[in-house]
Amino acid sequence: MTISYDDFSKVDIRVGTIVSAEPYPEARKPSYKLSVDFGHAIGVKRSSAQITKYYKLEELPGRQVAAVVNFPPKQIGKFMSEVLVLGFPDAAGEVVLVAVSHPVPNGGKLF
């Protein structure tokens, strides 16, 4: 399916820095609760992420990630996820985070 640039521009993908990561033992699949700082205009948003295979809690703060910031909040168990942190599946279906190769200002929009 082909989409237009206008369709693509409706998805607001921003870069942010993980400021905290907590275990989420109540989740059905192994997950973490993340707080991600998207800069002054958007602020800190929370997300549930199934990234326990490759990432340890103590390694996540300070890491920049990409996320969709304009989906409505979604209830995931007892947790309200406000953004969708992006990743790709590896050959076994485990999530590998989308990341930037050089530090950039929080809140920068993907184009």
C-alpha atoms as a PDB file:
ATOM      1  CA  MET A   1       0.000   0.000   0.000  1.00  0.00           C
ATOM      2  CA  THR A   2       1.357   3.397  -0.970  1.00  0.00           C
ATOM      3  CA  ILE A   3       0.759   6.410   1.276  1.00  0.00           C
ATOM      4  CA  SER A   4       1.223  10.095   0.631  1.00  0.00           C
ATOM      5  CA  TYR A   5       3.690  12.342   2.404  1.00  0.00           C
ATOM      6  CA  ASP A   6       0.685  13.964   4.091  1.00  0.00           C
ATOM      7  CA  ASP A   7      -0.247  10.562   5.543  1.00  0.00           C
ATOM      8  CA  PHE A   8       3.305  10.099   6.851  1.00  0.00           C
ATOM      9  CA  SER A   9       3.387  13.591   8.356  1.00  0.00           C
ATOM     10  CA  LYS A  10       0.374  12.749  10.553  1.00  0.00           C
ATOM     11  CA  VAL A  11       2.522  10.313  12.556  1.00  0.00           C
ATOM     12  CA  ASP A  12       4.486  12.435  15.028  1.00  0.00           C
ATOM     13  CA  ILE A  13       7.739  10.550  15.692  1.00  0.00           C
ATOM     14  CA  ARG A  14      10.062  12.313  18.121  1.00  0.00           C
ATOM     15  CA  VAL A  15      13.359  11.607  19.830  1.00  0.00           C
ATOM     16  CA  GLY A  16      13.571  11.583  23.606  1.00  0.00           C
ATOM     17  CA  THR A  17      15.907  10.551  26.389  1.00  0.00           C
ATOM     18  CA  ILE A  18      14.920   7.828  28.830  1.00  0.00           C
ATOM     19  CA  VAL A  19      15.043   9.408  32.297  1.00  0.00           C
ATOM     20  CA  SER A  20      13.920   6.351  34.263  1.00  0.00           C
ATOM     21  CA  ALA A  21      13.161   2.679  33.761  1.00  0.00           C
ATOM     22  CA  GLU A  22      11.293   0.427  36.195  1.00  0.00           C
ATOM     23  CA  PRO A  23      10.350  -3.234  36.194  1.00  0.00           C
ATOM     24  CA  TYR A  24       6.790  -4.049  35.170  1.00  0.00           C
ATOM     25  CA  PRO A  25       6.212  -7.481  36.713  1.00  0.00           C
ATOM     26  CA  GLU A  26       2.417  -7.286  36.266  1.00  0.00           C
ATOM     27  CA  ALA A  27       2.696  -7.200  32.451  1.00  0.00           C
ATOM     28  CA  ARG A  28       1.633 -10.309  30.502  1.00  0.00           C
ATOM     29  CA  LYS A  29       4.907 -10.281  28.539  1.00  0.00           C
ATOM     30  CA  PRO A  30       8.194  -9.199  30.161  1.00  0.00           C
ATOM     31  CA  SER A  31       8.256  -5.397  30.023  1.00  0.00           C
ATOM     32  CA  TYR A  32       9.638  -2.229  31.544  1.00  0.00           C
ATOM     33  CA  LYS A  33       7.931   1.049  32.440  1.00  0.00           C
ATOM     34  CA  LEU A  34       9.856   3.908  30.849  1.00  0.00           C
ATOM     35  CA  SER A  35       9.734   7.668  31.415  1.00  0.00           C
ATOM     36  CA  VAL A  36      11.048   9.523  28.373  1.00  0.00           C
ATOM     37  CA  ASP A  37      11.889  13.244  28.192  1.00  0.00           C
ATOM     38  CA  PHE A  38      10.819  14.763  24.863  1.00  0.00           C
ATOM     39  CA  GLY A  39      11.907  18.308  25.699  1.00  0.00           C
ATOM     40  CA  HIS A  40      10.073  21.417  26.841  1.00  0.00           C
ATOM     41  CA  ALA A  41       7.194  21.382  24.321  1.00  0.00           C
ATOM     42  CA  ILE A  42       6.119  17.758  24.969  1.00  0.00           C
ATOM     43  CA  GLY A  43       7.597  16.980  28.390  1.00  0.00           C
ATOM     44  CA  VAL A  44       8.148  13.610  30.031  1.00  0.00           C
ATOM     45  CA  LYS A  45       5.865  10.803  28.833  1.00  0.00           C
ATOM     46  CA  ARG A  46       5.524   7.198  29.991  1.00  0.00           C
ATOM     47  CA  SER A  47       5.591   4.012  27.949  1.00  0.00           C
ATOM     48  CA  SER A  48       5.500   0.275  28.502  1.00  0.00           C
ATOM     49  CA  ALA A  49       8.143  -1.490  26.426  1.00  0.00           C
ATOM     50  CA  GLN A  50       8.815  -5.183  25.837  1.00  0.00           C
ATOM     51  CA  ILE A  51      12.595  -4.733  25.648  1.00  0.00           C
ATOM     52  CA  THR A  52      13.823  -6.976  28.474  1.00  0.00           C
ATOM     53  CA  LYS A  53      15.778  -9.371  26.216  1.00  0.00           C
ATOM     54  CA  TYR A  54      18.520  -6.935  25.183  1.00  0.00           C
ATOM     55  CA  TYR A  55      18.284  -4.069  27.668  1.00  0.00           C
ATOM     56  CA  LYS A  56      18.937  -3.971  31.426  1.00  0.00           C
ATOM     57  CA  LEU A  57      17.096  -1.417  33.562  1.00  0.00           C
ATOM     58  CA  GLU A  58      20.288   0.286  34.698  1.00  0.00           C
ATOM     59  CA  GLU A  59      21.495   0.736  31.075  1.00  0.00           C
ATOM     60  CA  LEU A  60      18.382   2.547  29.828  1.00  0.00           C
ATOM     61  CA  PRO A  61      18.473   5.982  31.548  1.00  0.00           C
ATOM     62  CA  GLY A  62      20.315   8.432  29.305  1.00  0.00           C
ATOM     63  CA  ARG A  63      19.618   6.456  26.128  1.00  0.00           C
ATOM     64  CA  GLN A  64      17.865   8.296  23.309  1.00  0.00           C
ATOM     65  CA  VAL A  65      14.936   6.546  21.627  1.00  0.00           C
ATOM     66  CA  ALA A  66      12.345   7.275  18.945  1.00  0.00           C
ATOM     67  CA  ALA A  67       8.644   7.204  19.774  1.00  0.00           C
ATOM     68  CA  VAL A  68       5.248   8.038  18.323  1.00  0.00           C
ATOM     69  CA  VAL A  69       3.929  10.819  20.550  1.00  0.00           C
ATOM     70  CA  ASN A  70       0.507  11.507  19.027  1.00  0.00           C
ATOM     71  CA  PHE A  71      -1.330   8.240  19.658  1.00  0.00           C
ATOM     72  CA  PRO A  72      -3.986   8.435  22.367  1.00  0.00           C
ATOM     73  CA  PRO A  73      -2.910   7.019  25.750  1.00  0.00           C
ATOM     74  CA  LYS A  74      -3.392   3.243  25.997  1.00  0.00           C
ATOM     75  CA  GLN A  75      -4.135   1.245  29.119  1.00  0.00           C
ATOM     76  CA  ILE A  76      -1.705  -1.681  29.370  1.00  0.00           C
ATOM     77  CA  GLY A  77      -2.707  -3.662  32.436  1.00  0.00           C
ATOM     78  CA  LYS A  78      -2.562  -1.260  35.383  1.00  0.00           C
ATOM     79  CA  PHE A  79      -0.270   1.119  33.478  1.00  0.00           C
ATOM     80  CA  MET A  80      -1.240   4.008  31.173  1.00  0.00           C
ATOM     81  CA  SER A  81       1.161   4.190  28.232  1.00  0.00           C
ATOM     82  CA  GLU A  82       1.310   7.668  26.681  1.00  0.00           C
ATOM     83  CA  VAL A  83       3.739   7.091  23.777  1.00  0.00           C
ATOM     84  CA  LEU A  84       4.854   4.169  21.618  1.00  0.00           C
ATOM     85  CA  VAL A  85       8.621   3.613  21.829  1.00  0.00           C
ATOM     86  CA  LEU A  86       9.756   2.203  18.482  1.00  0.00           C
ATOM     87  CA  GLY A  87      11.766  -0.905  17.751  1.00  0.00           C
ATOM     88  CA  PHE A  88      12.334  -3.612  15.174  1.00  0.00           C
ATOM     89  CA  PRO A  89      12.048  -7.365  15.742  1.00  0.00           C
ATOM     90  CA  ASP A  90      15.182  -9.460  15.505  1.00  0.00           C
ATOM     91  CA  ALA A  91      15.102 -12.924  13.882  1.00  0.00           C
ATOM     92  CA  ALA A  92      13.491 -14.374  17.039  1.00  0.00           C
ATOM     93  CA  GLY A  93      10.915 -11.554  17.354  1.00  0.00           C
ATOM     94  CA  GLU A  94      12.661  -9.774  20.242  1.00  0.00           C
ATOM     95  CA  VAL A  95      12.528  -5.965  20.184  1.00  0.00           C
ATOM     96  CA  VAL A  96      15.604  -3.947  19.237  1.00  0.00           C
ATOM     97  CA  LEU A  97      15.120  -0.231  19.936  1.00  0.00           C
ATOM     98  CA  VAL A  98      15.272   2.382  17.203  1.00  0.00           C
ATOM     99  CA  ALA A  99      18.030   4.785  18.221  1.00  0.00           C
ATOM    100  CA  VAL A 100      19.939   7.771  16.898  1.00  0.00           C
ATOM    101  CA  SER A 101      23.626   7.420  16.015  1.00  0.00           C
ATOM    102  CA  HIS A 102      24.611  10.841  17.432  1.00  0.00           C
ATOM    103  CA  PRO A 103      23.045  12.814  20.304  1.00  0.00           C
ATOM    104  CA  VAL A 104      20.285  15.191  19.181  1.00  0.00           C
ATOM    105  CA  PRO A 105      18.044  17.618  21.095  1.00  0.00           C
ATOM    106  CA  ASN A 106      15.057  15.982  22.794  1.00  0.00           C
ATOM    107  CA  GLY A 107      11.801  16.554  20.948  1.00  0.00           C
ATOM    108  CA  GLY A 108      13.308  16.552  17.458  1.00  0.00           C
ATOM    109  CA  LYS A 109      10.784  15.346  14.862  1.00  0.00           C
ATOM    110  CA  LEU A 110      11.565  12.583  12.386  1.00  0.00           C
ATOM    111  CA  PHE A 111      11.327  13.702   8.768  1.00  0.00           C
END
